[in-house]
Amino acid sequence: MKSSAVLPAVLAGLGLVLFAVVLVLGGGTVLYEAADDAYSDSHKDVNAVSVMTTEEAETITPLMEKIMLQSLKAALEIDSKDFEYSERELKEFENLVNRLKTNNGKIKLGNTEINDFRLSSEEVEIALSVLNSDVARVEEIKQSIRKGSLSAADISALYAELQLLSKEISLTADTYSSAAETMIGVAENQNLDTSSLKESIDVVKKFADASLSSIGSVRPKPGTSDLQILFTLSGDTFAYGDTLRIDGTSRLSGVHSIYLDTRVWSSVTLSEPGSFSKSIMITNVSKGQHTVSIQSQGHVSKQDTIRVVTTNTTLFIDSAKVSGNTVTVTGALQTENGLSVSGAKVDVYADGVGLLGTGITNKNGVFSIQSDLEDGEYLVYAEFSDFSFPLEESVSEPVDVKISGSFLLPLLGSAILGVAAFIGVRIFRKRKSFAVSAETETESELLLTVKPSPAKG
């Protein structure tokens, strides 16, 4: 190679290396601008259009259709009382909703109606799970009563549970219908086929009414009295962090289980018949209407009702520490009144990546997650959305996270050293060539100037 070709080759090599570095290090958050055909002409949500490309829309909308179809599949299995298969269909429904949630965070659709669809699909998922469990329990109780081997007290307790199940089934079916209608409204804006979701509403109403009718046909045997346990509540409307006080009297001793709907919420133990009092803080109780009752030794109190309302929340990220390619994100969740929220799930996302991880808040409301990221710059934010709490969803302010130099800088350094070594070798060889040429020329000059001695005769 001629010496005149060395410099362009070196510059070209350096240019390629620097171009590769810019491509990778510059490949952080991207704000997508959708093409005009990303949505149908009837679409009204300009926020979704501004952040989603045509290709991304072609990923999201089929997923929405799959969720609607899966809701019908799950509802039909519950209606057929094939609870083994209904569990499988519900698991698939959960997987689809989680995929939508991940894509929702990756494309950052938090302020769009696609997010409304996602939130409503989570409500539908919870409602179907509750209905599946309740309908299965109703069938189990009916079979136990048919056997005829239970005592009057046991049957009375089961009858009381059926009444709780009756109210829960009725309320949950209404919740399902309301959430599904929201999904239908969003899906129709996307010109999607909503027939399967509409049919699922009818199916849910059908098996809910059938369960309620079968519950009404069950009658307890005489022998127990609701007057054994009496109680009053300190109010009828509560929010997160409020304390519900239960005061009552019982003609029984021993453990008294306090039920919220169909689950044991708390308990109080009496050493002898008499009065009792119990205070319970409202924490992971879903919004809406709930029934409260007390059971002991097969005796069941009359029911009372409370309503739980939602409270706004504040979610923030305290720090996002980087070590190599690992980022540790720490933050906290509080109510608008400054109460720490314990035991809540908080999802952490990065723009262009999606879900980084899910943290569970401790007693101080603090969560923390760790995740590995490729080199680049990211906007990281947290999101709280948990329907098991009477709390509104919230999203933190994004924080900048920069991952850099973990593997590209050594690569760049090696490339530069290689180029420098190449140049050095070329220069060394050139100088050596020049030195050899000079030495040869000197020897030739000496030979020309030194004449041979004349020969002696």
Protein backbone atom coordinates (compact mmCIF):
# COMPACT_ATOMS: atom_id res chain seq x y z
CA MET A 1 0.00 0.00 0.00
CA LYS A 2 1.32 3.46 -0.83
CA SER A 3 1.82 5.88 2.03
CA SER A 4 -0.69 8.32 0.50
CA ALA A 5 -3.50 5.74 0.97
CA VAL A 6 -2.83 5.15 4.69
CA LEU A 7 -4.42 8.34 6.07
CA PRO A 8 -7.78 8.00 4.22
CA ALA A 9 -8.03 4.36 5.30
CA VAL A 10 -7.36 5.29 8.91
CA LEU A 11 -9.91 8.12 8.85
CA ALA A 12 -12.49 5.84 7.26
CA GLY A 13 -11.95 3.23 10.00
CA LEU A 14 -12.30 5.81 12.76
CA GLY A 15 -15.43 7.17 11.09
CA LEU A 16 -17.08 3.74 11.07
CA VAL A 17 -16.25 3.16 14.73
CA LEU A 18 -17.61 6.58 15.79
CA PHE A 19 -20.74 6.06 13.66
CA ALA A 20 -21.43 2.74 15.42
CA VAL A 21 -20.97 4.42 18.81
CA VAL A 22 -23.40 7.21 17.94
CA LEU A 23 -25.96 4.70 16.73
CA VAL A 24 -25.90 2.71 19.97
CA LEU A 25 -25.41 5.49 22.50
CA GLY A 26 -27.97 7.63 20.73
CA GLY A 27 -30.55 4.87 20.59
CA GLY A 28 -32.44 5.93 23.71
CA THR A 29 -35.99 7.20 24.05
CA VAL A 30 -37.82 7.88 20.81
CA LEU A 31 -41.00 9.94 20.47
CA TYR A 32 -43.05 8.16 17.86
CA GLU A 33 -45.17 10.12 15.43
CA ALA A 34 -47.92 8.01 13.93
CA ALA A 35 -48.72 7.90 10.26
CA ASP A 36 -52.13 9.14 9.17
CA ASP A 37 -53.39 5.57 8.78
CA ALA A 38 -52.37 4.43 12.28
CA TYR A 39 -56.01 4.59 13.31
CA SER A 40 -59.35 4.63 11.61
CA ASP A 41 -60.97 7.85 10.47
CA SER A 42 -63.43 7.60 13.36
CA HIS A 43 -60.65 7.53 15.96
CA LYS A 44 -60.86 10.52 18.29
CA ASP A 45 -57.94 10.03 20.69
CA VAL A 46 -55.20 12.32 19.34
CA ASN A 47 -52.96 11.42 22.30
CA ALA A 48 -52.72 7.82 21.12
CA VAL A 49 -52.06 8.89 17.53
CA SER A 50 -49.19 11.13 18.64
CA VAL A 51 -47.23 8.34 20.31
CA MET A 52 -48.02 5.21 18.31
CA THR A 53 -46.76 4.24 14.87
CA THR A 54 -48.76 2.24 12.36
CA GLU A 55 -46.70 -0.86 13.18
CA GLU A 56 -47.38 -0.45 16.90
CA ALA A 57 -51.09 0.05 16.27
CA GLU A 58 -51.05 -3.22 14.34
CA THR A 59 -49.64 -4.88 17.46
CA ILE A 60 -51.96 -3.27 20.03
CA THR A 61 -55.32 -3.59 18.29
CA PRO A 62 -55.12 -7.36 17.61
CA LEU A 63 -54.18 -7.82 21.26
CA MET A 64 -57.29 -5.88 22.27
CA GLU A 65 -59.42 -8.17 20.09
CA LYS A 66 -57.82 -11.26 21.64
CA ILE A 67 -58.65 -9.96 25.13
CA MET A 68 -62.29 -9.43 24.19
CA LEU A 69 -62.53 -12.91 22.68
CA GLN A 70 -60.81 -14.47 25.70
CA SER A 71 -63.34 -12.88 28.05
CA LEU A 72 -66.10 -14.77 26.23
CA LYS A 73 -64.17 -18.05 26.38
CA ALA A 74 -63.69 -17.69 30.15
CA ALA A 75 -67.33 -16.72 30.71
CA LEU A 76 -68.58 -19.72 28.73
CA GLU A 77 -66.46 -22.13 30.79
CA ILE A 78 -67.78 -20.64 34.04
CA ASP A 79 -71.32 -20.95 32.69
CA SER A 80 -70.70 -24.63 31.88
CA LYS A 81 -69.35 -25.10 35.44
CA ASP A 82 -66.18 -26.65 34.08
CA PHE A 83 -64.01 -24.89 36.62
CA GLU A 84 -60.79 -26.67 35.65
CA TYR A 85 -61.01 -25.29 32.12
CA SER A 86 -62.28 -21.92 33.30
CA GLU A 87 -59.10 -21.55 35.39
CA ARG A 88 -57.03 -22.18 32.25
CA GLU A 89 -58.99 -19.63 30.26
CA LEU A 90 -58.64 -17.09 33.06
CA LYS A 91 -54.88 -17.67 33.13
CA GLU A 92 -54.69 -16.99 29.40
CA PHE A 93 -56.82 -13.88 29.91
CA GLU A 94 -54.38 -12.69 32.58
CA ASN A 95 -51.43 -13.27 30.24
CA LEU A 96 -53.06 -11.21 27.49
CA VAL A 97 -53.84 -8.35 29.86
CA ASN A 98 -50.24 -8.37 31.11
CA ARG A 99 -48.97 -8.22 27.52
CA LEU A 100 -51.19 -5.20 26.88
CA LYS A 101 -49.92 -3.62 30.08
CA THR A 102 -46.30 -4.14 29.02
CA ASN A 103 -46.91 -2.65 25.57
CA ASN A 104 -48.89 0.17 27.16
CA GLY A 105 -45.83 1.12 29.21
CA LYS A 106 -43.38 0.57 26.37
CA ILE A 107 -45.19 2.92 23.99
CA LYS A 108 -46.29 5.17 26.88
CA LEU A 109 -50.05 5.17 26.31
CA GLY A 110 -50.86 6.23 29.87
CA ASN A 111 -52.88 9.30 28.83
CA THR A 112 -54.83 7.60 26.04
CA GLU A 113 -58.07 5.68 25.80
CA ILE A 114 -55.98 2.55 25.14
CA ASN A 115 -54.99 2.82 28.80
CA ASP A 116 -58.69 3.08 29.72
CA PHE A 117 -59.24 -0.18 27.83
CA ARG A 118 -56.32 -1.75 29.68
CA LEU A 119 -57.57 -0.65 33.11
CA SER A 120 -61.08 -1.89 32.37
CA SER A 121 -59.69 -5.22 31.14
CA GLU A 122 -57.99 -5.61 34.54
CA GLU A 123 -61.36 -5.00 36.22
CA VAL A 124 -62.93 -7.60 33.94
CA GLU A 125 -60.15 -10.05 34.82
CA ILE A 126 -60.74 -9.58 38.56
CA ALA A 127 -64.52 -9.82 38.14
CA LEU A 128 -64.28 -13.08 36.19
CA SER A 129 -61.92 -14.56 38.79
CA VAL A 130 -64.29 -13.64 41.64
CA LEU A 131 -67.32 -14.98 39.75
CA ASN A 132 -65.49 -18.22 38.94
CA SER A 133 -64.59 -18.71 42.60
CA ASP A 134 -68.06 -17.77 43.87
CA VAL A 135 -70.02 -19.94 41.43
CA ALA A 136 -67.73 -22.88 42.22
CA ARG A 137 -68.27 -22.33 45.95
CA VAL A 138 -72.06 -22.20 45.50
CA GLU A 139 -71.97 -25.58 43.76
CA GLU A 140 -69.76 -27.00 46.51
CA ILE A 141 -72.13 -25.80 49.27
CA LYS A 142 -75.17 -27.18 47.47
CA GLN A 143 -73.50 -30.59 47.19
CA SER A 144 -72.60 -30.55 50.91
CA ILE A 145 -76.18 -29.76 51.87
CA ARG A 146 -77.58 -32.48 49.59
CA LYS A 147 -75.53 -35.13 51.40
CA GLY A 148 -77.71 -34.59 54.48
CA SER A 149 -75.01 -35.42 57.03
CA LEU A 150 -74.51 -31.86 58.35
CA SER A 151 -75.82 -30.53 61.62
CA ALA A 152 -78.39 -27.76 61.73
CA ALA A 153 -75.71 -25.32 62.88
CA ASP A 154 -73.44 -26.25 59.96
CA ILE A 155 -76.25 -25.87 57.46
CA SER A 156 -77.17 -22.51 58.97
CA ALA A 157 -73.56 -21.34 58.59
CA LEU A 158 -73.49 -22.51 54.98
CA TYR A 159 -76.79 -20.77 54.33
CA ALA A 160 -75.33 -17.54 55.70
CA GLU A 161 -72.33 -17.95 53.41
CA LEU A 162 -74.68 -18.41 50.47
CA GLN A 163 -76.31 -15.09 51.28
CA LEU A 164 -72.89 -13.43 51.23
CA LEU A 165 -72.07 -15.13 47.95
CA SER A 166 -75.39 -13.99 46.54
CA LYS A 167 -74.59 -10.33 47.15
CA GLU A 168 -71.04 -10.67 45.90
CA ILE A 169 -72.12 -12.41 42.69
CA SER A 170 -74.72 -9.73 42.02
CA LEU A 171 -72.30 -6.83 42.62
CA THR A 172 -69.48 -8.47 40.67
CA ALA A 173 -71.69 -9.15 37.67
CA ASP A 174 -72.62 -5.46 37.62
CA THR A 175 -68.93 -4.53 37.84
CA TYR A 176 -68.15 -6.83 34.93
CA SER A 177 -70.87 -5.29 32.79
CA SER A 178 -69.73 -1.73 33.53
CA ALA A 179 -66.03 -2.43 32.81
CA ALA A 180 -66.88 -4.36 29.65
CA GLU A 181 -68.99 -1.46 28.36
CA THR A 182 -65.99 0.85 28.77
CA MET A 183 -63.85 -1.59 26.77
CA ILE A 184 -66.50 -1.78 24.07
CA GLY A 185 -66.59 2.00 23.73
CA VAL A 186 -62.81 2.22 23.24
CA ALA A 187 -62.72 -0.77 20.89
CA GLU A 188 -65.46 0.66 18.70
CA ASN A 189 -63.40 3.85 18.32
CA GLN A 190 -60.74 1.58 16.78
CA ASN A 191 -63.30 -0.09 14.48
CA LEU A 192 -62.67 -3.41 16.23
CA ASP A 193 -65.09 -6.33 16.41
CA THR A 194 -66.73 -6.17 19.85
CA SER A 195 -69.33 -8.90 19.35
CA SER A 196 -67.51 -11.42 21.57
CA LEU A 197 -67.29 -9.00 24.50
CA LYS A 198 -70.95 -8.03 24.12
CA GLU A 199 -71.91 -11.69 24.14
CA SER A 200 -69.82 -12.26 27.28
CA ILE A 201 -71.95 -9.69 29.14
CA ASP A 202 -75.05 -11.76 28.38
CA VAL A 203 -73.29 -14.97 29.41
CA VAL A 204 -72.17 -13.49 32.74
CA LYS A 205 -75.68 -12.22 33.47
CA LYS A 206 -77.07 -15.65 32.63
CA PHE A 207 -74.89 -17.69 34.98
CA ALA A 208 -75.06 -15.02 37.72
CA ASP A 209 -78.86 -15.11 37.66
CA ALA A 210 -78.78 -18.92 37.67
CA SER A 211 -76.53 -18.98 40.74
CA LEU A 212 -78.71 -16.45 42.55
CA SER A 213 -81.79 -18.53 41.76
CA SER A 214 -80.17 -21.71 43.06
CA ILE A 215 -79.11 -19.93 46.24
CA GLY A 216 -82.69 -18.79 46.79
CA SER A 217 -83.88 -22.41 46.67
CA VAL A 218 -81.67 -23.42 49.63
CA ARG A 219 -83.28 -23.18 53.06
CA PRO A 220 -81.60 -23.70 56.44
CA LYS A 221 -82.84 -26.20 58.98
CA PRO A 222 -84.30 -24.63 62.11
CA GLY A 223 -82.35 -24.69 65.34
CA THR A 224 -80.11 -21.61 65.28
CA SER A 225 -80.87 -17.94 65.74
CA ASP A 226 -79.20 -14.83 64.33
CA LEU A 227 -79.91 -13.16 67.68
CA GLN A 228 -76.99 -15.05 69.21
CA ILE A 229 -74.59 -12.39 67.81
CA LEU A 230 -75.49 -8.72 67.46
CA PHE A 231 -73.24 -5.85 66.36
CA THR A 232 -73.18 -2.26 65.13
CA LEU A 233 -70.71 -0.42 62.87
CA SER A 234 -69.15 2.98 63.52
CA GLY A 235 -70.17 4.27 60.09
CA ASP A 236 -71.24 3.35 56.60
CA THR A 237 -68.67 5.07 54.34
CA PHE A 238 -64.91 4.65 54.64
CA ALA A 239 -61.71 5.46 52.74
CA TYR A 240 -58.16 4.10 52.81
CA GLY A 241 -56.63 4.54 56.27
CA ASP A 242 -59.97 5.01 58.04
CA THR A 243 -60.77 2.82 61.04
CA LEU A 244 -63.98 0.80 61.19
CA ARG A 245 -65.08 0.03 64.76
CA ILE A 246 -67.33 -2.95 65.43
CA ASP A 247 -69.16 -3.10 68.78
CA GLY A 248 -71.38 -6.03 69.69
CA THR A 249 -72.61 -8.67 72.09
CA SER A 250 -72.66 -12.45 71.86
CA ARG A 251 -74.23 -15.24 73.83
CA LEU A 252 -71.30 -17.43 72.81
CA SER A 253 -67.70 -17.70 73.93
CA GLY A 254 -64.63 -18.53 71.87
CA VAL A 255 -63.46 -17.26 68.46
CA HIS A 256 -65.80 -15.01 66.48
CA SER A 257 -64.80 -14.63 62.82
CA ILE A 258 -65.53 -11.28 61.19
CA TYR A 259 -66.33 -11.61 57.48
CA LEU A 260 -65.96 -9.02 54.76
CA ASP A 261 -68.13 -10.38 51.98
CA THR A 262 -67.07 -14.05 51.75
CA ARG A 263 -63.60 -13.90 53.29
CA VAL A 264 -62.49 -13.84 56.92
CA TRP A 265 -61.37 -10.27 57.55
CA SER A 266 -60.50 -10.39 61.24
CA SER A 267 -61.55 -12.10 64.48
CA VAL A 268 -62.22 -11.50 68.14
CA THR A 269 -62.06 -14.06 70.96
CA LEU A 270 -64.41 -14.00 73.95
CA SER A 271 -63.46 -15.86 77.12
CA GLU A 272 -67.13 -15.82 78.08
CA PRO A 273 -70.40 -14.55 76.59
CA GLY A 274 -70.72 -10.76 76.69
CA SER A 275 -69.78 -7.63 74.81
CA PHE A 276 -66.87 -7.17 72.43
CA SER A 277 -65.23 -4.47 70.34
CA LYS A 278 -62.90 -4.62 67.32
CA SER A 279 -61.21 -1.89 65.29
CA ILE A 280 -60.11 -2.62 61.71
CA MET A 281 -58.19 -0.24 59.45
CA ILE A 282 -59.34 -0.01 55.83
CA THR A 283 -56.36 -0.95 53.63
CA ASN A 284 -56.51 -3.52 50.85
CA VAL A 285 -60.28 -3.41 50.41
CA SER A 286 -61.57 -2.71 46.91
CA LYS A 287 -63.82 0.25 46.28
CA GLY A 288 -67.57 -0.29 46.31
CA GLN A 289 -70.15 -1.90 48.57
CA HIS A 290 -69.24 -4.72 50.97
CA THR A 291 -71.12 -6.80 53.54
CA VAL A 292 -69.93 -7.36 57.11
CA SER A 293 -71.04 -10.32 59.24
CA ILE A 294 -69.81 -12.38 62.21
CA GLN A 295 -69.83 -16.17 62.65
CA SER A 296 -69.08 -18.42 65.62
CA GLN A 297 -69.83 -22.09 66.26
CA GLY A 298 -72.26 -22.28 63.36
CA HIS A 299 -74.17 -19.20 64.44
CA VAL A 300 -74.26 -16.25 62.06
CA SER A 301 -75.14 -12.65 62.74
CA LYS A 302 -77.27 -10.51 60.49
CA GLN A 303 -75.36 -8.62 57.83
CA ASP A 304 -74.54 -4.94 57.66
CA THR A 305 -73.16 -2.99 54.73
CA ILE A 306 -70.30 -0.52 54.27
CA ARG A 307 -69.23 1.51 51.24
CA VAL A 308 -65.56 2.09 50.48
CA VAL A 309 -64.63 5.11 48.39
CA THR A 310 -61.40 5.82 46.54
CA THR A 311 -58.60 8.19 47.53
CA ASN A 312 -56.08 9.92 45.26
CA THR A 313 -52.46 8.81 45.46
CA THR A 314 -49.02 10.32 44.90
CA LEU A 315 -46.25 8.21 43.41
CA PHE A 316 -42.68 9.39 43.03
CA ILE A 317 -39.20 8.08 42.31
CA ASP A 318 -36.54 9.01 44.89
CA SER A 319 -33.52 7.70 43.03
CA ALA A 320 -32.37 5.75 40.00
CA LYS A 321 -28.81 4.59 40.69
CA VAL A 322 -26.71 3.08 37.91
CA SER A 323 -23.95 0.53 38.38
CA GLY A 324 -22.56 -0.78 35.11
CA ASN A 325 -25.61 -1.81 33.12
CA THR A 326 -27.83 -2.26 36.20
CA VAL A 327 -30.24 0.45 37.37
CA THR A 328 -31.83 0.39 40.84
CA VAL A 329 -35.04 2.42 41.04
CA THR A 330 -36.42 3.37 44.46
CA GLY A 331 -39.54 5.38 45.23
CA ALA A 332 -42.62 5.66 47.43
CA LEU A 333 -46.41 5.56 47.24
CA GLN A 334 -48.63 7.72 49.45
CA THR A 335 -52.22 8.87 49.62
CA GLU A 336 -53.01 12.51 48.99
CA ASN A 337 -53.15 12.90 52.78
CA GLY A 338 -49.59 11.63 53.19
CA LEU A 339 -50.42 8.10 54.40
CA SER A 340 -47.92 5.44 53.34
CA VAL A 341 -49.44 2.65 51.25
CA SER A 342 -48.18 -0.78 52.27
CA GLY A 343 -48.31 -4.02 50.27
CA ALA A 344 -49.14 -2.41 46.94
CA LYS A 345 -47.69 -3.39 43.56
CA VAL A 346 -45.80 -0.67 41.68
CA ASP A 347 -44.67 -1.21 38.09
CA VAL A 348 -41.56 0.56 36.78
CA TYR A 349 -41.18 1.27 33.06
CA ALA A 350 -38.58 2.69 30.68
CA ASP A 351 -39.58 4.40 27.46
CA GLY A 352 -38.80 2.25 24.47
CA VAL A 353 -38.24 -0.83 26.65
CA GLY A 354 -41.42 -1.43 28.62
CA LEU A 355 -41.75 -3.02 32.04
CA LEU A 356 -38.49 -3.12 34.01
CA GLY A 357 -39.94 -4.76 37.11
CA THR A 358 -42.62 -4.73 39.81
CA GLY A 359 -41.94 -3.71 43.38
CA ILE A 360 -44.06 -4.24 46.51
CA THR A 361 -44.28 -1.30 48.89
CA ASN A 362 -43.15 -1.88 52.49
CA LYS A 363 -44.77 -0.47 55.63
CA ASN A 364 -43.32 2.95 54.77
CA GLY A 365 -44.71 2.84 51.25
CA VAL A 366 -41.24 2.38 49.74
CA PHE A 367 -40.62 0.15 46.71
CA SER A 368 -37.45 -0.81 44.87
CA ILE A 369 -36.60 -2.74 41.69
CA GLN A 370 -33.44 -3.63 39.78
CA SER A 371 -33.10 -4.13 36.04
CA ASP A 372 -30.39 -4.46 33.40
CA LEU A 373 -30.41 -2.07 30.45
CA GLU A 374 -28.34 -1.71 27.33
CA ASP A 375 -26.24 1.41 26.87
CA GLY A 376 -28.34 4.47 26.14
CA GLU A 377 -30.47 7.22 27.68
CA TYR A 378 -33.89 6.38 29.10
CA LEU A 379 -36.90 8.04 30.70
CA VAL A 380 -37.90 5.85 33.66
CA TYR A 381 -41.23 6.20 35.47
CA ALA A 382 -43.41 4.24 37.91
CA GLU A 383 -47.10 3.40 37.77
CA PHE A 384 -49.54 2.28 40.47
CA SER A 385 -52.78 0.56 39.48
CA ASP A 386 -54.13 -2.02 41.91
CA PHE A 387 -57.88 -2.58 42.17
CA SER A 388 -57.53 -4.49 45.43
CA PHE A 389 -56.96 -1.10 47.11
CA PRO A 390 -59.49 1.75 47.29
CA LEU A 391 -56.94 4.03 45.65
CA GLU A 392 -56.82 5.90 42.37
CA GLU A 393 -54.06 5.00 39.95
CA SER A 394 -51.08 7.34 39.70
CA VAL A 395 -47.94 7.78 37.59
CA SER A 396 -44.68 9.29 38.81
CA GLU A 397 -42.74 12.03 37.09
CA PRO A 398 -40.12 10.49 34.75
CA VAL A 399 -36.44 10.57 35.63
CA ASP A 400 -33.48 10.47 33.24
CA VAL A 401 -31.28 7.39 33.38
CA LYS A 402 -28.06 7.11 31.38
CA ILE A 403 -26.25 3.83 30.83
CA SER A 404 -22.96 4.41 29.03
CA GLY A 405 -19.55 3.01 28.24
CA SER A 406 -19.91 -0.45 29.70
CA PHE A 407 -18.81 -2.23 26.55
CA LEU A 408 -18.52 0.35 23.77
CA LEU A 409 -15.73 2.42 25.30
CA PRO A 410 -13.32 -0.53 25.67
CA LEU A 411 -14.22 -1.48 22.09
CA LEU A 412 -13.57 2.05 20.89
CA GLY A 413 -10.31 2.16 22.85
CA SER A 414 -9.17 -1.10 21.30
CA ALA A 415 -10.03 0.18 17.83
CA ILE A 416 -8.06 3.40 18.36
CA LEU A 417 -5.06 1.48 19.73
CA GLY A 418 -5.24 -0.85 16.76
CA VAL A 419 -5.27 2.03 14.31
CA ALA A 420 -2.40 3.73 16.17
CA ALA A 421 -0.39 0.50 16.12
CA PHE A 422 -1.02 0.15 12.40
CA ILE A 423 0.21 3.70 11.76
CA GLY A 424 3.25 3.11 13.98
CA VAL A 425 4.23 -0.04 12.13
CA ARG A 426 3.89 1.69 8.79
CA ILE A 427 6.02 4.64 9.93
CA PHE A 428 8.63 2.31 11.43
CA ARG A 429 8.89 0.31 8.21
CA LYS A 430 9.13 3.47 6.15
CA ARG A 431 11.90 4.87 8.31
CA LYS A 432 13.77 1.56 8.18
CA SER A 433 13.46 1.54 4.41
CA PHE A 434 14.78 5.08 4.26
CA ALA A 435 17.72 4.11 6.54
CA VAL A 436 18.65 1.09 4.40
CA SER A 437 18.52 3.17 1.22
CA ALA A 438 20.74 5.85 2.75
CA GLU A 439 23.26 3.28 3.92
CA THR A 440 23.41 1.66 0.48
CA GLU A 441 23.94 5.02 -1.22
CA THR A 442 26.80 5.85 1.20
CA GLU A 443 28.55 2.54 0.51
CA SER A 444 28.26 3.12 -3.25
CA GLU A 445 29.81 6.57 -2.97
CA LEU A 446 32.73 5.14 -0.97
CA LEU A 447 33.36 2.48 -3.59
CA LEU A 448 33.42 5.10 -6.33
CA THR A 449 35.92 7.36 -4.50
CA VAL A 450 38.41 4.65 -3.49
CA LYS A 451 40.57 3.61 -6.46
CA PRO A 452 42.42 0.23 -6.50
CA SER A 453 46.25 0.22 -6.04
CA PRO A 454 48.29 -0.31 -9.24
CA ALA A 455 49.70 -3.79 -9.63
CA LYS A 456 53.41 -4.25 -9.12
CA GLY A 457 55.36 -5.33 -12.15
